Protein backbone atom coordinates (compact mmCIF):
# COMPACT_ATOMS: atom_id res chain seq x y z
CA UNK A 1 95.19 138.62 85.96
CA UNK A 2 97.93 141.05 86.88
CA UNK A 3 98.23 142.22 83.31
CA UNK A 4 94.47 142.75 83.25
CA UNK A 5 94.65 144.80 86.45
CA UNK A 6 97.37 147.01 85.01
CA UNK A 7 95.29 147.37 81.87
CA UNK A 8 92.27 148.45 83.88
CA UNK A 9 94.43 150.91 85.85
CA UNK A 10 95.95 152.29 82.63
CA UNK A 11 92.55 152.62 81.03
CA UNK A 12 91.22 154.27 84.20
CA UNK A 13 94.05 156.83 84.17
CA UNK A 14 93.52 157.47 80.47
CA UNK A 15 89.75 157.84 80.95
CA UNK A 16 90.34 160.11 83.97
CA UNK A 17 92.51 162.37 81.84
CA UNK A 18 89.96 162.34 79.04
CA UNK A 19 87.15 162.81 81.54
CA UNK A 20 88.89 165.85 82.95
CA UNK A 21 89.86 167.26 79.61
CA UNK A 22 86.58 166.75 77.73
CA UNK A 23 84.27 168.84 79.95
CA UNK A 24 86.78 171.70 80.03
CA UNK A 25 87.30 171.44 76.29
CA UNK A 26 83.51 171.24 75.83
CA UNK A 27 82.98 174.36 77.93
CA UNK A 28 85.75 176.17 76.03
CA UNK A 29 84.08 175.20 72.78
CA UNK A 30 80.65 176.17 74.18
CA UNK A 31 82.09 179.50 75.34
CA UNK A 32 83.35 180.14 71.82
CA UNK A 33 80.02 179.16 70.27
CA UNK A 34 78.05 181.28 72.72
CA UNK A 35 80.31 184.25 72.18
CA UNK A 36 80.13 183.78 68.42
CA UNK A 37 76.39 183.37 68.47
CA UNK A 38 75.92 186.53 70.48
CA UNK A 39 78.19 188.46 68.14
CA UNK A 40 76.39 187.10 65.08
CA UNK A 41 73.11 188.23 66.58
CA UNK A 42 74.59 191.70 66.94
CA UNK A 43 75.89 191.71 63.38
CA UNK A 44 72.50 190.58 62.09
CA UNK A 45 70.86 193.41 64.02
CA UNK A 46 73.33 195.90 62.51
CA UNK A 47 72.55 194.57 59.01
CA UNK A 48 68.81 194.90 59.62
CA UNK A 49 69.17 198.46 60.91
CA UNK A 50 71.37 199.43 57.95
CA UNK A 51 68.72 198.12 55.57
CA UNK A 52 66.06 200.08 57.44
CA UNK A 53 68.23 203.23 57.22
CA UNK A 54 68.88 202.75 53.49
CA UNK A 55 65.22 202.07 52.80
CA UNK A 56 64.29 205.25 54.71
CA UNK A 57 66.79 207.30 52.71
CA UNK A 58 65.40 206.01 49.42
CA UNK A 59 61.83 206.75 50.55
CA UNK A 60 62.70 210.24 51.72
CA UNK A 61 64.28 211.03 48.38
CA UNK A 62 61.42 209.45 46.48
CA UNK A 63 58.87 211.47 48.49
CA UNK A 64 60.73 214.69 47.81
CA UNK A 65 60.98 213.99 44.05
CA UNK A 66 57.29 213.04 43.84
CA UNK A 67 56.39 216.26 45.67
CA UNK A 68 58.44 218.55 43.42
CA UNK A 69 57.12 216.74 40.35
CA UNK A 70 53.52 217.18 41.50
CA UNK A 71 53.96 220.93 42.11
CA UNK A 72 53.98 221.63 38.33
CA UNK A 73 55.77 224.93 38.82
CA UNK A 74 57.15 226.82 35.78
CA UNK A 75 60.47 225.26 34.94
CA UNK A 76 63.42 227.02 36.56
CA UNK A 77 61.26 229.95 37.69
CA UNK A 78 62.22 231.67 40.91
CA UNK A 79 59.30 229.90 42.55
CA UNK A 80 60.50 226.52 41.19
CA UNK A 81 64.09 227.06 42.34
CA UNK A 82 62.89 228.24 45.77
CA UNK A 83 60.71 225.13 46.10
CA UNK A 84 63.63 222.84 45.23
CA UNK A 85 65.73 224.69 47.81
CA UNK A 86 63.07 224.28 50.48
CA UNK A 87 62.87 220.52 49.81
CA UNK A 88 66.63 220.27 50.00
CA UNK A 89 66.66 222.02 53.36
CA UNK A 90 63.74 220.00 54.78
CA UNK A 91 65.03 216.57 53.73
CA UNK A 92 68.35 215.97 55.55
CA UNK A 93 69.46 213.16 53.25
CA UNK A 94 69.22 215.32 50.06
CA UNK A 95 72.14 217.54 49.23
CA UNK A 96 70.87 219.02 45.99
CA UNK A 97 67.91 218.81 43.59
CA UNK A 98 68.18 219.37 39.87
CA UNK A 99 65.73 219.84 36.94
CA UNK A 100 66.35 218.30 33.50
CA UNK A 101 64.93 218.91 30.07
CA UNK A 102 65.84 216.69 27.16
CA UNK A 103 68.53 215.03 29.20
CA UNK A 104 70.30 218.32 30.10
CA UNK A 105 70.21 220.00 33.53
CA UNK A 106 68.54 223.46 33.41
CA UNK A 107 68.57 224.47 37.05
CA UNK A 108 69.18 223.17 40.58
CA UNK A 109 68.37 224.14 44.09
CA UNK A 110 71.46 226.35 43.81
CA UNK A 111 69.92 228.30 40.87
CA UNK A 112 69.94 228.33 37.10
CA UNK A 113 72.83 226.59 35.38
CA UNK A 114 75.05 227.61 32.54
CA UNK A 115 76.61 225.30 30.11
CA UNK A 116 75.44 221.97 28.78
CA UNK A 117 75.60 219.38 31.60
CA UNK A 118 73.99 216.10 30.44
CA UNK A 119 72.20 213.55 32.60
CA UNK A 120 74.50 210.86 33.94
CA UNK A 121 74.20 207.22 32.90
CA UNK A 122 71.84 205.06 34.94
CA UNK A 123 73.36 202.15 36.97
CA UNK A 124 70.06 200.53 37.85
CA UNK A 125 66.36 201.20 38.38
CA UNK A 126 64.58 200.44 41.67
CA UNK A 127 61.31 198.58 41.88
CA UNK A 128 59.58 201.99 42.44
CA UNK A 129 60.94 203.25 39.12
CA UNK A 130 63.69 205.49 40.48
CA UNK A 131 66.76 205.64 38.26
CA UNK A 132 69.94 205.37 40.32
CA UNK A 133 73.38 206.53 39.38
CA UNK A 134 75.70 205.34 42.10
CA UNK A 135 78.54 207.86 41.71
CA UNK A 136 78.46 211.24 40.01
CA UNK A 137 80.42 214.44 40.45
CA UNK A 138 77.97 217.34 40.94
CA UNK A 139 78.34 219.58 37.86
CA UNK A 140 77.05 222.67 39.60
CA UNK A 141 78.24 222.52 43.24
CA UNK A 142 81.44 220.56 42.40
CA UNK A 143 81.34 218.89 45.80
CA UNK A 144 82.04 215.28 46.82
CA UNK A 145 80.77 212.38 44.77
CA UNK A 146 77.06 211.79 45.17
CA UNK A 147 74.44 209.18 44.41
CA UNK A 148 71.78 210.41 41.99
CA UNK A 149 68.13 209.38 42.33
CA UNK A 150 66.15 210.44 39.24
CA UNK A 151 62.32 210.53 38.92
CA UNK A 152 60.56 212.30 36.05
CA UNK A 153 62.32 215.62 35.31
CA UNK A 154 64.08 215.89 38.67
CA UNK A 155 66.96 214.20 40.40
CA UNK A 156 68.09 214.28 44.00
CA UNK A 157 71.73 214.02 45.01
CA UNK A 158 72.31 212.04 48.16
CA UNK A 159 75.64 211.52 49.91
CA UNK A 160 76.44 207.76 49.78
CA UNK A 161 77.15 207.78 53.52
CA UNK A 162 73.47 208.64 54.15
CA UNK A 163 72.43 205.11 53.11
CA UNK A 164 74.56 203.54 55.87
CA UNK A 165 74.31 206.32 58.41
CA UNK A 166 74.20 204.23 61.56
CA UNK A 167 76.54 204.00 64.51
CA UNK A 168 78.94 201.07 64.33
CA UNK A 169 81.15 199.69 67.11
CA UNK A 170 84.91 199.70 66.54
CA UNK A 171 86.01 196.85 64.30
CA UNK A 172 82.70 196.38 62.54
CA UNK A 173 82.45 197.25 58.85
CA UNK A 174 79.37 197.50 56.62
CA UNK A 175 78.59 197.37 52.92
CA UNK A 176 75.24 198.05 51.24
CA UNK A 177 74.65 196.59 47.79
CA UNK A 178 71.77 196.36 45.33
CA UNK A 179 70.44 193.08 44.01
CA UNK A 180 72.88 193.29 41.09
CA UNK A 181 75.81 193.17 43.45
CA UNK A 182 76.73 196.81 42.94
CA UNK A 183 78.00 198.61 46.05
CA UNK A 184 75.80 201.51 47.04
CA UNK A 185 77.74 202.58 50.10
CA UNK A 186 80.19 201.30 52.75
CA UNK A 187 81.30 202.17 56.22
CA UNK A 188 84.69 201.41 57.81
CA UNK A 189 86.18 200.17 54.51
CA UNK A 190 85.21 196.45 54.32
CA UNK A 191 87.27 194.24 52.02
CA UNK A 192 85.62 194.59 48.58
CA UNK A 193 86.43 191.01 47.50
CA UNK A 194 85.01 189.54 50.71
CA UNK A 195 81.88 191.68 50.40
CA UNK A 196 81.33 190.61 46.77
CA UNK A 197 81.73 186.91 47.67
CA UNK A 198 79.38 187.06 50.63
CA UNK A 199 76.72 189.21 48.98
CA UNK A 200 75.67 186.27 46.81
CA UNK A 201 74.41 184.38 49.88
CA UNK A 202 72.30 185.06 52.91
CA UNK A 203 72.81 184.09 56.54
CA UNK A 204 75.50 184.42 59.15
CA UNK A 205 78.61 182.40 60.02
CA UNK A 206 82.33 182.49 60.70
CA UNK A 207 85.10 182.05 58.16
CA UNK A 208 88.87 182.08 58.55
CA UNK A 209 89.11 185.82 58.77
CA UNK A 210 85.89 187.18 60.18
CA UNK A 211 82.39 186.82 61.48
CA UNK A 212 79.73 188.00 59.01
CA UNK A 213 76.02 188.50 58.60
CA UNK A 214 74.28 188.96 55.29
CA UNK A 215 70.70 190.19 55.23
CA UNK A 216 68.61 190.83 52.10
CA UNK A 217 65.42 192.84 51.80
CA UNK A 218 63.49 194.58 48.95
CA UNK A 219 66.33 194.64 46.48
CA UNK A 220 69.04 195.60 48.98
CA UNK A 221 71.72 193.54 50.66
CA UNK A 222 73.62 194.44 53.81
CA UNK A 223 76.93 192.73 54.54
CA UNK A 224 78.35 193.27 58.05
CA UNK A 225 81.86 192.04 58.97
CA UNK A 226 83.92 191.76 62.16
CA UNK A 227 87.45 190.30 62.44
CA UNK A 228 87.82 187.08 64.39
CA UNK A 229 90.52 188.74 66.48
CA UNK A 230 87.86 191.00 68.01
CA UNK A 231 86.31 187.94 69.66
CA UNK A 232 89.11 187.42 72.15
CA UNK A 233 87.70 189.67 74.85
CA UNK A 234 84.17 188.35 74.38
CA UNK A 235 85.44 184.75 74.56
CA UNK A 236 87.26 185.41 77.79
CA UNK A 237 84.08 186.84 79.24
CA UNK A 238 82.15 183.66 78.42
CA UNK A 239 84.97 181.43 79.67
CA UNK A 240 84.81 183.11 83.05
CA UNK A 241 81.23 181.91 83.31
CA UNK A 242 81.43 178.42 81.79
CA UNK A 243 84.88 177.11 82.70
CA UNK A 244 84.07 176.70 86.42
CA UNK A 245 81.08 174.61 85.36
CA UNK A 246 83.37 172.52 83.17
CA UNK A 247 85.85 172.07 86.00
CA UNK A 248 83.06 170.87 88.31
CA UNK A 249 81.78 168.38 85.70
CA UNK A 250 85.38 167.19 85.12
CA UNK A 251 85.86 166.56 88.81
CA UNK A 252 82.64 164.64 88.98
CA UNK A 253 83.50 162.50 85.94
CA UNK A 254 86.98 161.76 87.28
CA UNK A 255 85.45 160.64 90.59
CA UNK A 256 83.01 158.34 88.79
CA UNK A 257 85.82 156.89 86.63
CA UNK A 258 87.98 156.21 89.68
CA UNK A 259 85.03 154.52 91.43
CA UNK A 260 84.19 152.43 88.37
CA UNK A 261 87.84 151.49 87.81
CA UNK A 262 88.05 150.15 91.32
CA UNK A 263 84.84 148.21 90.78
CA UNK A 264 86.06 146.79 87.51
CA UNK A 265 89.19 145.45 89.16
CA UNK A 266 86.91 142.74 90.55
CA UNK A 267 86.44 139.95 87.95
CA UNK A 268 82.98 139.23 89.27
CA UNK A 269 81.97 142.87 88.94
CA UNK A 270 83.28 142.87 85.39
CA UNK A 271 81.17 139.83 84.64
CA UNK A 272 78.12 141.44 86.24
CA UNK A 273 78.61 144.57 84.13
CA UNK A 274 79.03 142.46 81.01
CA UNK A 275 75.73 140.68 81.74
CA UNK A 276 73.98 143.97 82.39
CA UNK A 277 75.37 145.44 79.15
CA UNK A 278 74.59 142.28 77.21
CA UNK A 279 78.15 141.90 76.04
CA UNK A 280 77.78 138.19 75.32
CA UNK A 281 77.45 137.03 71.69
CA UNK A 282 77.08 133.60 70.17
CA UNK A 283 79.28 131.92 67.59
CA UNK A 284 78.03 128.83 65.82
CA UNK A 285 80.21 125.78 65.11
CA UNK A 286 78.62 123.71 62.34
CA UNK A 287 77.73 120.09 63.06
CA UNK A 288 78.25 117.90 60.03
CA UNK A 289 76.69 114.53 59.12
CA UNK A 290 79.85 112.50 58.57
CA UNK A 291 78.22 110.23 56.01
CA UNK A 292 76.82 112.95 53.74
CA UNK A 293 78.81 116.08 54.71
CA UNK A 294 75.51 117.86 55.19
CA UNK A 295 75.39 120.52 57.87
CA UNK A 296 72.58 119.51 60.24
CA UNK A 297 72.99 122.42 62.68
CA UNK A 298 75.50 123.99 65.01
CA UNK A 299 76.62 124.19 68.61
CA UNK A 300 76.01 127.60 70.15
CA UNK A 301 79.23 128.80 71.79
CA UNK A 302 79.11 131.87 74.01
CA UNK A 303 81.70 134.60 73.54
CA UNK A 304 82.29 137.65 75.73
CA UNK A 305 82.93 140.59 73.50
CA UNK A 306 84.18 143.62 75.36
CA UNK A 307 83.09 147.13 74.27
CA UNK A 308 86.50 147.57 72.63
CA UNK A 309 85.84 144.54 70.45
CA UNK A 310 88.26 142.15 72.21
CA UNK A 311 87.06 138.67 73.06
CA UNK A 312 87.48 137.11 76.50
CA UNK A 313 88.29 133.40 76.42
CA UNK A 314 85.39 131.17 77.64
CA UNK A 315 87.75 129.21 79.92
CA UNK A 316 88.32 132.47 81.83
CA UNK A 317 84.72 133.55 82.46
CA UNK A 318 82.67 130.33 82.32
CA UNK A 319 84.16 128.82 85.56
CA UNK A 320 83.84 132.20 87.24
CA UNK A 321 80.23 132.49 86.10
CA UNK A 322 79.48 129.04 87.43
CA UNK A 323 81.14 129.76 90.79
CA UNK A 324 79.34 133.07 91.27
CA UNK A 325 75.89 131.96 90.03
CA UNK A 326 76.08 134.26 87.02
CA UNK A 327 75.99 131.49 84.46
CA UNK A 328 72.16 131.36 84.31
CA UNK A 329 71.65 134.88 82.90
CA UNK A 330 74.45 134.18 80.42
CA UNK A 331 72.63 131.08 79.23
CA UNK A 332 69.47 133.14 78.93
CA UNK A 333 71.29 135.65 76.72
CA UNK A 334 72.58 132.76 74.59
CA UNK A 335 69.03 131.52 73.97
CA UNK A 336 67.86 135.04 73.12
CA UNK A 337 70.81 135.58 70.82
CA UNK A 338 70.06 132.34 68.94
CA UNK A 339 66.49 133.47 68.32
CA UNK A 340 67.61 136.95 67.25
CA UNK A 341 70.52 135.72 65.12
CA UNK A 342 69.16 132.73 63.25
CA UNK A 343 65.55 132.38 64.35
CA UNK A 344 64.17 133.07 60.87
CA UNK A 345 66.50 130.49 59.37
CA UNK A 346 65.34 127.88 61.88
CA UNK A 347 61.73 128.67 61.05
CA UNK A 348 62.47 128.43 57.33
CA UNK A 349 64.50 125.22 57.56
CA UNK A 350 63.04 122.76 60.05
CA UNK A 351 65.85 120.30 59.41
CA UNK A 352 68.33 122.42 61.36
CA UNK A 353 69.00 122.23 65.07
CA UNK A 354 71.07 124.26 67.51
CA UNK A 355 72.78 122.74 70.55
CA UNK A 356 72.74 124.76 73.74
CA UNK A 357 75.03 123.98 76.67
CA UNK A 358 73.34 123.82 80.11
CA UNK A 359 75.01 124.62 83.40
CA UNK A 360 74.83 122.44 86.48
CA UNK A 361 72.36 124.78 88.20
CA UNK A 362 69.96 124.72 85.26
CA UNK A 363 70.14 120.93 85.16
CA UNK A 364 69.41 120.85 88.88
CA UNK A 365 66.45 123.25 88.88
CA UNK A 366 65.12 122.83 85.35
CA UNK A 367 64.16 126.51 85.25
CA UNK A 368 65.82 126.94 81.83
CA UNK A 369 63.15 124.78 80.20
CA UNK A 370 60.39 127.25 80.98
CA UNK A 371 62.61 130.13 79.78
CA UNK A 372 63.31 128.37 76.46
CA UNK A 373 59.60 127.60 76.03
CA UNK A 374 58.65 131.25 76.60
CA UNK A 375 61.17 132.43 73.98
CA UNK A 376 60.65 129.75 71.32
CA UNK A 377 56.86 129.88 71.07
CA UNK A 378 56.55 133.50 69.88
CA UNK A 379 59.48 133.01 67.49
CA UNK A 380 57.85 129.96 65.87
CA UNK A 381 60.85 127.69 66.52
CA UNK A 382 60.16 124.07 67.37
CA UNK A 383 61.54 122.62 70.55
CA UNK A 384 62.87 119.69 68.51
CA UNK A 385 65.28 122.17 66.88
CA UNK A 386 66.95 123.01 70.18
CA UNK A 387 69.29 120.32 71.52
CA UNK A 388 70.31 120.56 75.13
CA UNK A 389 73.83 119.56 76.07
CA UNK A 390 74.97 118.83 79.62
CA UNK A 391 78.48 118.00 80.83
CA UNK A 392 79.05 115.30 83.43
CA UNK A 393 79.90 118.09 85.88
CA UNK A 394 76.24 118.97 85.78
CA UNK A 395 75.19 115.57 87.20
CA UNK A 396 76.25 116.12 90.76
CA UNK A 397 72.64 115.77 91.83
CA UNK A 398 71.78 112.80 89.72
CA UNK A 399 68.13 112.55 90.77
CA UNK A 400 67.42 116.24 89.95
CA UNK A 401 69.31 115.86 86.67
CA UNK A 402 67.15 112.84 85.67
CA UNK A 403 63.96 114.81 86.36
CA UNK A 404 65.13 117.81 84.33
CA UNK A 405 66.37 115.78 81.36
CA UNK A 406 63.23 113.69 81.30
CA UNK A 407 61.12 116.81 81.31
CA UNK A 408 63.20 118.24 78.47
CA UNK A 409 62.77 115.13 76.33
CA UNK A 410 59.04 115.04 76.98
CA UNK A 411 58.87 118.64 75.81
CA UNK A 412 60.53 117.60 72.52
CA UNK A 413 64.18 118.54 73.07
CA UNK A 414 66.93 116.09 72.30
CA UNK A 415 69.48 115.70 75.11
CA UNK A 416 73.18 115.09 74.69
CA UNK A 417 75.93 114.48 77.22
CA UNK A 418 78.92 116.74 76.40
CA UNK A 419 82.64 116.11 76.95
CA UNK A 420 81.89 112.45 77.69
CA UNK A 421 84.65 110.59 79.52
CA UNK A 422 86.20 113.62 81.13
CA UNK A 423 84.04 113.74 84.23
CA UNK A 424 82.79 111.19 86.73
CA UNK A 425 81.88 107.52 86.44
CA UNK A 426 80.44 107.82 82.96
CA UNK A 427 78.84 104.41 82.49
CA UNK A 428 76.89 104.77 85.73
CA UNK A 429 75.32 108.00 84.54
CA UNK A 430 74.69 106.80 81.05
CA UNK A 431 72.64 103.87 82.37
CA UNK A 432 70.58 106.06 84.66
CA UNK A 433 69.96 109.23 82.60
CA UNK A 434 67.50 109.83 79.78
CA UNK A 435 69.41 111.10 76.73
CA UNK A 436 69.63 110.92 72.98
CA UNK A 437 73.20 111.64 72.01
CA UNK A 438 76.73 111.30 73.27
CA UNK A 439 79.49 113.75 72.38
CA UNK A 440 83.03 112.41 72.17
CA UNK A 441 85.47 114.89 73.72
CA UNK A 442 88.26 116.40 71.58
CA UNK A 443 90.86 114.85 73.88
CA UNK A 444 89.84 111.40 72.61
CA UNK A 445 89.55 112.47 69.00
CA UNK A 446 93.12 113.78 69.16
CA UNK A 447 94.44 110.27 69.94
CA UNK A 448 93.21 108.84 66.63
CA UNK A 449 96.14 107.49 64.59
CA UNK A 450 98.72 108.02 67.39
CA UNK A 451 98.68 104.54 68.94
CA UNK A 452 98.70 106.00 72.47
CA UNK A 453 97.52 104.25 75.60
CA UNK A 454 94.20 106.09 75.50
CA UNK A 455 93.57 105.72 71.77
CA UNK A 456 91.47 102.58 72.27
CA UNK A 457 89.11 104.49 74.58
CA UNK A 458 87.63 106.24 71.54
CA UNK A 459 86.43 102.92 70.14
CA UNK A 460 84.95 101.94 73.48
CA UNK A 461 83.01 105.21 73.67
CA UNK A 462 81.71 104.72 70.11
CA UNK A 463 80.67 101.19 70.92
CA UNK A 464 79.01 102.28 74.20
CA UNK A 465 76.91 104.86 72.30
CA UNK A 466 75.89 102.29 69.76
CA UNK A 467 74.93 99.73 72.43
CA UNK A 468 72.76 102.30 74.20
CA UNK A 469 71.05 103.42 71.00
CA UNK A 470 72.51 106.94 71.17
CA UNK A 471 73.63 109.18 68.40
CA UNK A 472 77.32 110.00 68.56
CA UNK A 473 78.95 113.39 67.87
CA UNK A 474 82.72 113.77 67.69
CA UNK A 475 84.19 117.11 68.77
CA UNK A 476 87.43 118.78 67.69
CA UNK A 477 87.93 117.04 64.35
CA UNK A 478 90.91 118.74 62.71
CA UNK A 479 92.20 116.27 60.09
CA UNK A 480 90.69 114.22 57.30
CA UNK A 481 92.32 111.15 58.89
CA UNK A 482 90.27 111.65 62.03
CA UNK A 483 87.07 112.20 60.03
CA UNK A 484 87.66 109.03 57.99
CA UNK A 485 88.32 106.98 61.11
CA UNK A 486 85.19 108.23 62.88
CA UNK A 487 83.11 107.74 59.73
CA UNK A 488 84.46 104.19 59.33
CA UNK A 489 83.50 103.31 62.90
CA UNK A 490 79.92 104.57 62.62
CA UNK A 491 80.08 107.98 64.35
CA UNK A 492 77.06 109.96 63.17
CA UNK A 493 78.11 113.59 63.39
CA UNK A 494 81.23 115.67 63.78
CA UNK A 495 82.35 119.19 64.40
CA UNK A 496 85.73 120.85 64.36
CA UNK A 497 88.07 123.06 62.41
CA UNK A 498 88.28 120.53 59.60
CA UNK A 499 84.78 121.61 58.65
CA UNK A 500 84.62 125.11 60.10
CA UNK A 501 85.73 127.19 63.09
CA UNK A 502 82.95 128.70 65.26
CA UNK A 503 81.34 131.38 63.12
CA UNK A 504 79.45 134.62 63.88
CA UNK A 505 75.75 134.38 62.93
CA UNK A 506 76.05 136.02 59.53
CA UNK A 507 78.94 133.82 58.49
CA UNK A 508 77.24 130.69 59.77
CA UNK A 509 74.10 131.51 57.73
CA UNK A 510 76.34 131.90 54.66
CA UNK A 511 78.12 128.59 55.48
CA UNK A 512 74.82 126.76 55.83
CA UNK A 513 73.50 128.08 52.54
CA UNK A 514 76.72 127.12 50.75
CA UNK A 515 76.67 123.64 52.33
CA UNK A 516 73.06 123.17 51.36
CA UNK A 517 73.74 124.13 47.77
CA UNK A 518 76.63 121.60 47.59
CA UNK A 519 75.24 118.61 49.49
CA UNK A 520 71.47 119.22 49.68
CA UNK A 521 69.16 119.54 52.65
CA UNK A 522 69.54 117.67 55.89
CA UNK A 523 67.03 114.97 56.90
CA UNK A 524 64.28 115.85 59.28
CA UNK A 525 65.39 117.16 62.71
CA UNK A 526 66.58 114.40 64.96
CA UNK A 527 63.97 114.31 67.61
CA UNK A 528 64.00 113.07 71.15
CA UNK A 529 62.84 109.61 71.93
CA UNK A 530 59.03 109.56 71.68
CA UNK A 531 57.16 110.12 74.92
CA UNK A 532 55.43 106.75 74.66
CA UNK A 533 58.79 104.98 74.56
CA UNK A 534 60.02 106.89 77.61
CA UNK A 535 56.93 105.99 79.54
CA UNK A 536 57.43 102.29 78.74
CA UNK A 537 61.18 102.30 79.45
CA UNK A 538 62.29 105.01 81.88
CA UNK A 539 65.92 104.05 81.48
CA UNK A 540 65.95 105.47 77.96
């Protein structure tokens, strides 16, 4: 018990630490995600604005080229050159307009040209039919590198920066690309390799080095980048808001854990919590026909499985449950577990039965019979397939026990007395109680072959069962010598580690199928003494 208390205290301290750390860590993580999400929203907005600016630049240049083409002025006349100059002045994004004949420039908005300057190669063509050369050196003005947009006989030179001419916050960089992955323009010198890698996708996220947003529209792609290091200040701002909330939640959780730890230090409270959380499971120990080795059913043994997977020994919690009145809901959970675990198998194989242990209170009140009836009927399981076992400790109120057991047998259940010989004056109860089977306790089976003072008691119990017309079931058989002895002296059934340990439902089902394939099916379910016989002889 002391070890358990220290374990509860240690677990409570650990949970308190975790309970304090998790909310704060969660708020820190949430702060980071909120800060990142806000920044990604900003980057996406920057990308969308850059695409709008680039699209506007292309449309301005296209409109200017279409207008000069539609004017049909004499090539390179004073009027033509003046018109090109006017367009250049009126359209801010255009630095220069040129006129070409046969692939050679003849004049520009600066005037007539001398020499033989050929049209530059075309990098790509837009969906509107504009031929784009991303980088050329103006042959007439000899200024900075320009982007050439060519339509018909005219081209317009646009400074690359015009395509991304938007205001960026410090630390943010921008790249504009076409749908072939060619860079049209950049701002704040983004990493070319990163831009190329990201341009193939769309969306926004965070990688090891930066936050990014990639937006595509009408043949253009905008990639906006910001270093992760720039998030520090924004993260601190979010932490100032969310960390106090996390600290409050942590304090609340620690308080709850401390309160629950104190509650769990009470064994009864632990048991109540286990019942509420349905922590009880059933293992099934096969019952074997000693003459044929056929598995005729199993005894349902309750196990308390903690949330961490550990099992609490039955001898620890069963006496406590009986003392505190908590045994009844545990028995109810056992019945429900049987139906859930192996109900379909019981419906499929009517030769099988499951033995359920009853507590003294259930034997006294009989309320368990109605509960079993309510659960068995919808599941299609026959009452004859559920044996009811009662220990001699349950017969303190002998008159109430007789009424309950009689009612159980009339309903169709078989009744067995468990752990026979370890309780009160056994013969007295055997003569006055209605029952069908007697279970020989393991303590007597262990004496077989040892020539001890109590070894002859086993034979007396077997003979007593035979004289009263009861089936006999030996518990705790561990050796073949014990099985042979019991078989030789007419014991009907046996259970114990010689045949199988108590098994979880899935393993028991597999065991039963294997046994059936080896030895065949069991005979029909052993049924309680017929009602007519009971009415004629109440002592049965």
